[in-house]
Amino acid sequence: MYCLHETLDLHEIATFKTICMTKSKLMQKLVSDPDLKHILQRDVQTSTLRLKELNELLSKGII
């Protein structure tokens, strides 16, 4: 079993990743360069998957 400190750290990571993902989503609408837009789209996709994994760990009580 993990300690409360580790759980809080994981919440902090998830919050930071959510903020980064939100910024990438918003920036997609503003950029005109197709390569940059593609990078931002991939970041959103990857972030979504990682946040789901973090959420599963937290909901299962593993951490």
PDB file of N, CA and C in Angstrom:
ATOM      1  N   MET A   1       0.841  -1.177   0.000  1.00  0.00           N
ATOM      2  CA  MET A   1       0.000   0.000   0.000  1.00  0.00           C
ATOM      3  C   MET A   1       0.887   1.241   0.000  1.00  0.00           C
ATOM      4  N   TYR A   2       0.454   2.240  -0.711  1.00  0.00           N
ATOM      5  CA  TYR A   2       1.207   3.469  -0.828  1.00  0.00           C
ATOM      6  C   TYR A   2       0.742   4.467   0.225  1.00  0.00           C
ATOM      7  N   CYS A   3       1.610   5.393   0.515  1.00  0.00           N
ATOM      8  CA  CYS A   3       1.278   6.381   1.526  1.00  0.00           C
ATOM      9  C   CYS A   3       0.501   7.551   0.916  1.00  0.00           C
ATOM     10  N   LEU A   4      -0.069   8.323   1.773  1.00  0.00           N
ATOM     11  CA  LEU A   4      -0.865   9.469   1.365  1.00  0.00           C
ATOM     12  C   LEU A   4      -0.034  10.448   0.529  1.00  0.00           C
ATOM     13  N   HIS A   5       1.225  10.608   0.898  1.00  0.00           N
ATOM     14  CA  HIS A   5       2.100  11.526   0.174  1.00  0.00           C
ATOM     15  C   HIS A   5       2.207  11.129  -1.301  1.00  0.00           C
ATOM     16  N   GLU A   6       2.358   9.848  -1.572  1.00  0.00           N
ATOM     17  CA  GLU A   6       2.462   9.379  -2.958  1.00  0.00           C
ATOM     18  C   GLU A   6       1.150   9.589  -3.705  1.00  0.00           C
ATOM     19  N   THR A   7       0.042   9.402  -3.035  1.00  0.00           N
ATOM     20  CA  THR A   7      -1.258   9.629  -3.658  1.00  0.00           C
ATOM     21  C   THR A   7      -1.428  11.098  -4.015  1.00  0.00           C
ATOM     22  N   LEU A   8      -1.044  11.972  -3.106  1.00  0.00           N
ATOM     23  CA  LEU A   8      -1.128  13.403  -3.386  1.00  0.00           C
ATOM     24  C   LEU A   8      -0.205  13.805  -4.530  1.00  0.00           C
ATOM     25  N   ASP A   9       0.975  13.205  -4.587  1.00  0.00           N
ATOM     26  CA  ASP A   9       1.887  13.471  -5.697  1.00  0.00           C
ATOM     27  C   ASP A   9       1.254  13.060  -7.026  1.00  0.00           C
ATOM     28  N   LEU A  10       0.592  11.918  -7.028  1.00  0.00           N
ATOM     29  CA  LEU A  10      -0.054  11.446  -8.245  1.00  0.00           C
ATOM     30  C   LEU A  10      -1.181  12.386  -8.667  1.00  0.00           C
ATOM     31  N   HIS A  11      -1.930  12.880  -7.709  1.00  0.00           N
ATOM     32  CA  HIS A  11      -2.975  13.868  -8.005  1.00  0.00           C
ATOM     33  C   HIS A  11      -2.368  15.139  -8.597  1.00  0.00           C
ATOM     34  N   GLU A  12      -1.243  15.544  -8.059  1.00  0.00           N
ATOM     35  CA  GLU A  12      -0.566  16.738  -8.557  1.00  0.00           C
ATOM     36  C   GLU A  12      -0.100  16.539 -10.001  1.00  0.00           C
ATOM     37  N   ILE A  13       0.425  15.362 -10.297  1.00  0.00           N
ATOM     38  CA  ILE A  13       0.853  15.043 -11.659  1.00  0.00           C
ATOM     39  C   ILE A  13      -0.340  15.053 -12.609  1.00  0.00           C
ATOM     40  N   ALA A  14      -1.433  14.446 -12.181  1.00  0.00           N
ATOM     41  CA  ALA A  14      -2.638  14.400 -13.009  1.00  0.00           C
ATOM     42  C   ALA A  14      -3.182  15.810 -13.267  1.00  0.00           C
ATOM     43  N   THR A  15      -3.146  16.644 -12.272  1.00  0.00           N
ATOM     44  CA  THR A  15      -3.613  18.020 -12.440  1.00  0.00           C
ATOM     45  C   THR A  15      -2.733  18.772 -13.427  1.00  0.00           C
ATOM     46  N   PHE A  16      -1.435  18.632 -13.289  1.00  0.00           N
ATOM     47  CA  PHE A  16      -0.513  19.292 -14.204  1.00  0.00           C
ATOM     48  C   PHE A  16      -0.712  18.793 -15.632  1.00  0.00           C
ATOM     49  N   LYS A  17      -0.858  17.496 -15.805  1.00  0.00           N
ATOM     50  CA  LYS A  17      -1.050  16.916 -17.136  1.00  0.00           C
ATOM     51  C   LYS A  17      -2.373  17.393 -17.744  1.00  0.00           C
ATOM     52  N   THR A  18      -3.382  17.547 -16.931  1.00  0.00           N
ATOM     53  CA  THR A  18      -4.670  18.050 -17.413  1.00  0.00           C
ATOM     54  C   THR A  18      -4.535  19.481 -17.920  1.00  0.00           C
ATOM     55  N   ILE A  19      -3.799  20.295 -17.194  1.00  0.00           N
ATOM     56  CA  ILE A  19      -3.573  21.676 -17.615  1.00  0.00           C
ATOM     57  C   ILE A  19      -2.809  21.718 -18.940  1.00  0.00           C
ATOM     58  N   CYS A  20      -1.777  20.883 -19.059  1.00  0.00           N
ATOM     59  CA  CYS A  20      -1.001  20.841 -20.306  1.00  0.00           C
ATOM     60  C   CYS A  20      -1.866  20.392 -21.479  1.00  0.00           C
ATOM     61  N   MET A  21      -2.707  19.394 -21.247  1.00  0.00           N
ATOM     62  CA  MET A  21      -3.572  18.894 -22.303  1.00  0.00           C
ATOM     63  C   MET A  21      -4.578  19.966 -22.726  1.00  0.00           C
ATOM     64  N   THR A  22      -5.128  20.669 -21.779  1.00  0.00           N
ATOM     65  CA  THR A  22      -6.078  21.744 -22.077  1.00  0.00           C
ATOM     66  C   THR A  22      -5.410  22.831 -22.925  1.00  0.00           C
ATOM     67  N   LYS A  23      -4.193  23.170 -22.570  1.00  0.00           N
ATOM     68  CA  LYS A  23      -3.455  24.170 -23.339  1.00  0.00           C
ATOM     69  C   LYS A  23      -3.219  23.682 -24.770  1.00  0.00           C
ATOM     70  N   SER A  24      -2.859  22.429 -24.933  1.00  0.00           N
ATOM     71  CA  SER A  24      -2.643  21.883 -26.279  1.00  0.00           C
ATOM     72  C   SER A  24      -3.931  21.911 -27.095  1.00  0.00           C
ATOM     73  N   LYS A  25      -5.053  21.585 -26.460  1.00  0.00           N
ATOM     74  CA  LYS A  25      -6.340  21.625 -27.159  1.00  0.00           C
ATOM     75  C   LYS A  25      -6.665  23.038 -27.621  1.00  0.00           C
ATOM     76  N   LEU A  26      -6.450  23.994 -26.762  1.00  0.00           N
ATOM     77  CA  LEU A  26      -6.746  25.383 -27.110  1.00  0.00           C
ATOM     78  C   LEU A  26      -5.802  25.911 -28.180  1.00  0.00           C
ATOM     79  N   MET A  27      -4.546  25.542 -28.098  1.00  0.00           N
ATOM     80  CA  MET A  27      -3.564  26.032 -29.063  1.00  0.00           C
ATOM     81  C   MET A  27      -3.809  25.472 -30.461  1.00  0.00           C
ATOM     82  N   GLN A  28      -4.394  24.280 -30.553  1.00  0.00           N
ATOM     83  CA  GLN A  28      -4.694  23.692 -31.862  1.00  0.00           C
ATOM     84  C   GLN A  28      -5.558  24.627 -32.702  1.00  0.00           C
ATOM     85  N   LYS A  29      -6.446  25.338 -32.045  1.00  0.00           N
ATOM     86  CA  LYS A  29      -7.355  26.239 -32.746  1.00  0.00           C
ATOM     87  C   LYS A  29      -6.656  27.505 -33.227  1.00  0.00           C
ATOM     88  N   LEU A  30      -5.522  27.815 -32.630  1.00  0.00           N
ATOM     89  CA  LEU A  30      -4.840  29.058 -32.948  1.00  0.00           C
ATOM     90  C   LEU A  30      -3.693  28.908 -33.943  1.00  0.00           C
ATOM     91  N   VAL A  31      -3.119  27.726 -34.037  1.00  0.00           N
ATOM     92  CA  VAL A  31      -1.951  27.552 -34.905  1.00  0.00           C
ATOM     93  C   VAL A  31      -2.378  27.290 -36.347  1.00  0.00           C
ATOM     94  N   SER A  32      -1.555  27.745 -37.258  1.00  0.00           N
ATOM     95  CA  SER A  32      -1.847  27.507 -38.668  1.00  0.00           C
ATOM     96  C   SER A  32      -0.891  26.495 -39.295  1.00  0.00           C
ATOM     97  N   ASP A  33       0.240  26.279 -38.653  1.00  0.00           N
ATOM     98  CA  ASP A  33       1.220  25.330 -39.174  1.00  0.00           C
ATOM     99  C   ASP A  33       0.708  23.899 -39.000  1.00  0.00           C
ATOM    100  N   PRO A  34       0.583  23.129 -40.085  1.00  0.00           N
ATOM    101  CA  PRO A  34       0.037  21.780 -39.990  1.00  0.00           C
ATOM    102  C   PRO A  34       0.889  20.828 -39.146  1.00  0.00           C
ATOM    103  N   ASP A  35       2.203  20.997 -39.191  1.00  0.00           N
ATOM    104  CA  ASP A  35       3.071  20.128 -38.391  1.00  0.00           C
ATOM    105  C   ASP A  35       2.881  20.373 -36.893  1.00  0.00           C
ATOM    106  N   LEU A  36       2.824  21.628 -36.535  1.00  0.00           N
ATOM    107  CA  LEU A  36       2.602  21.970 -35.129  1.00  0.00           C
ATOM    108  C   LEU A  36       1.219  21.507 -34.673  1.00  0.00           C
ATOM    109  N   LYS A  37       0.239  21.670 -35.525  1.00  0.00           N
ATOM    110  CA  LYS A  37      -1.113  21.226 -35.196  1.00  0.00           C
ATOM    111  C   LYS A  37      -1.127  19.715 -34.950  1.00  0.00           C
ATOM    112  N   HIS A  38      -0.397  18.977 -35.786  1.00  0.00           N
ATOM    113  CA  HIS A  38      -0.321  17.518 -35.633  1.00  0.00           C
ATOM    114  C   HIS A  38       0.357  17.142 -34.308  1.00  0.00           C
ATOM    115  N   ILE A  39       1.414  17.843 -33.966  1.00  0.00           N
ATOM    116  CA  ILE A  39       2.107  17.590 -32.689  1.00  0.00           C
ATOM    117  C   ILE A  39       1.157  17.824 -31.519  1.00  0.00           C
ATOM    118  N   LEU A  40       0.403  18.893 -31.577  1.00  0.00           N
ATOM    119  CA  LEU A  40      -0.546  19.202 -30.506  1.00  0.00           C
ATOM    120  C   LEU A  40      -1.650  18.146 -30.425  1.00  0.00           C
ATOM    121  N   GLN A  41      -2.114  17.665 -31.568  1.00  0.00           N
ATOM    122  CA  GLN A  41      -3.140  16.615 -31.576  1.00  0.00           C
ATOM    123  C   GLN A  41      -2.606  15.331 -30.947  1.00  0.00           C
ATOM    124  N   ARG A  42      -1.372  14.978 -31.282  1.00  0.00           N
ATOM    125  CA  ARG A  42      -0.770  13.776 -30.694  1.00  0.00           C
ATOM    126  C   ARG A  42      -0.579  13.929 -29.189  1.00  0.00           C
ATOM    127  N   ASP A  43      -0.216  15.136 -28.768  1.00  0.00           N
ATOM    128  CA  ASP A  43      -0.057  15.391 -27.339  1.00  0.00           C
ATOM    129  C   ASP A  43      -1.385  15.202 -26.604  1.00  0.00           C
ATOM    130  N   VAL A  44      -2.465  15.681 -27.188  1.00  0.00           N
ATOM    131  CA  VAL A  44      -3.787  15.527 -26.573  1.00  0.00           C
ATOM    132  C   VAL A  44      -4.157  14.051 -26.495  1.00  0.00           C
ATOM    133  N   GLN A  45      -3.910  13.307 -27.552  1.00  0.00           N
ATOM    134  CA  GLN A  45      -4.236  11.876 -27.553  1.00  0.00           C
ATOM    135  C   GLN A  45      -3.430  11.120 -26.496  1.00  0.00           C
ATOM    136  N   THR A  46      -2.143  11.385 -26.460  1.00  0.00           N
ATOM    137  CA  THR A  46      -1.280  10.717 -25.484  1.00  0.00           C
ATOM    138  C   THR A  46      -1.655  11.108 -24.062  1.00  0.00           C
ATOM    139  N   SER A  47      -1.908  12.376 -23.845  1.00  0.00           N
ATOM    140  CA  SER A  47      -2.286  12.854 -22.515  1.00  0.00           C
ATOM    141  C   SER A  47      -3.592  12.224 -22.056  1.00  0.00           C
ATOM    142  N   THR A  48      -4.535  12.092 -22.964  1.00  0.00           N
ATOM    143  CA  THR A  48      -5.815  11.474 -22.622  1.00  0.00           C
ATOM    144  C   THR A  48      -5.616  10.040 -22.148  1.00  0.00           C
ATOM    145  N   LEU A  49      -4.798   9.294 -22.866  1.00  0.00           N
ATOM    146  CA  LEU A  49      -4.522   7.906 -22.464  1.00  0.00           C
ATOM    147  C   LEU A  49      -3.834   7.838 -21.104  1.00  0.00           C
ATOM    148  N   ARG A  50      -2.840   8.674 -20.898  1.00  0.00           N
ATOM    149  CA  ARG A  50      -2.094   8.656 -19.631  1.00  0.00           C
ATOM    150  C   ARG A  50      -2.976   9.077 -18.455  1.00  0.00           C
ATOM    151  N   LEU A  51      -3.847  10.051 -18.682  1.00  0.00           N
ATOM    152  CA  LEU A  51      -4.750  10.467 -17.607  1.00  0.00           C
ATOM    153  C   LEU A  51      -5.752   9.369 -17.265  1.00  0.00           C
ATOM    154  N   LYS A  52      -6.187   8.617 -18.253  1.00  0.00           N
ATOM    155  CA  LYS A  52      -7.075   7.477 -17.978  1.00  0.00           C
ATOM    156  C   LYS A  52      -6.354   6.442 -17.126  1.00  0.00           C
ATOM    157  N   GLU A  53      -5.088   6.188 -17.448  1.00  0.00           N
ATOM    158  CA  GLU A  53      -4.303   5.236 -16.659  1.00  0.00           C
ATOM    159  C   GLU A  53      -4.138   5.715 -15.219  1.00  0.00           C
ATOM    160  N   LEU A  54      -3.822   6.986 -15.057  1.00  0.00           N
ATOM    161  CA  LEU A  54      -3.678   7.532 -13.706  1.00  0.00           C
ATOM    162  C   LEU A  54      -4.992   7.447 -12.935  1.00  0.00           C
ATOM    163  N   ASN A  55      -6.080   7.758 -13.613  1.00  0.00           N
ATOM    164  CA  ASN A  55      -7.393   7.706 -12.977  1.00  0.00           C
ATOM    165  C   ASN A  55      -7.754   6.282 -12.555  1.00  0.00           C
ATOM    166  N   GLU A  56      -7.403   5.310 -13.385  1.00  0.00           N
ATOM    167  CA  GLU A  56      -7.665   3.911 -13.027  1.00  0.00           C
ATOM    168  C   GLU A  56      -6.889   3.515 -11.779  1.00  0.00           C
ATOM    169  N   LEU A  57      -5.633   3.913 -11.710  1.00  0.00           N
ATOM    170  CA  LEU A  57      -4.832   3.601 -10.529  1.00  0.00           C
ATOM    171  C   LEU A  57      -5.434   4.226  -9.274  1.00  0.00           C
ATOM    172  N   LEU A  58      -5.848   5.474  -9.397  1.00  0.00           N
ATOM    173  CA  LEU A  58      -6.424   6.152  -8.240  1.00  0.00           C
ATOM    174  C   LEU A  58      -7.765   5.539  -7.839  1.00  0.00           C
ATOM    175  N   SER A  59      -8.592   5.178  -8.807  1.00  0.00           N
ATOM    176  CA  SER A  59      -9.909   4.640  -8.479  1.00  0.00           C
ATOM    177  C   SER A  59      -9.828   3.224  -7.905  1.00  0.00           C
ATOM    178  N   LYS A  60      -8.808   2.476  -8.277  1.00  0.00           N
ATOM    179  CA  LYS A  60      -8.625   1.124  -7.746  1.00  0.00           C
ATOM    180  C   LYS A  60      -7.995   1.132  -6.361  1.00  0.00           C
ATOM    181  N   GLY A  61      -7.501   2.276  -5.973  1.00  0.00           N
ATOM    182  CA  GLY A  61      -6.882   2.381  -4.670  1.00  0.00           C
ATOM    183  C   GLY A  61      -5.488   1.793  -4.636  1.00  0.00           C
ATOM    184  N   ILE A  62      -4.885   1.593  -5.822  1.00  0.00           N
ATOM    185  CA  ILE A  62      -3.537   1.037  -5.879  1.00  0.00           C
ATOM    186  C   ILE A  62      -2.549   2.049  -5.319  1.00  0.00           C
ATOM    187  N   ILE A  63      -2.833   3.284  -5.570  1.00  0.00           N
ATOM    188  CA  ILE A  63      -1.950   4.339  -5.067  1.00  0.00           C
ATOM    189  C   ILE A  63      -2.770   5.262  -4.202  1.00  0.00           C
TER     190      ILE A  63
END
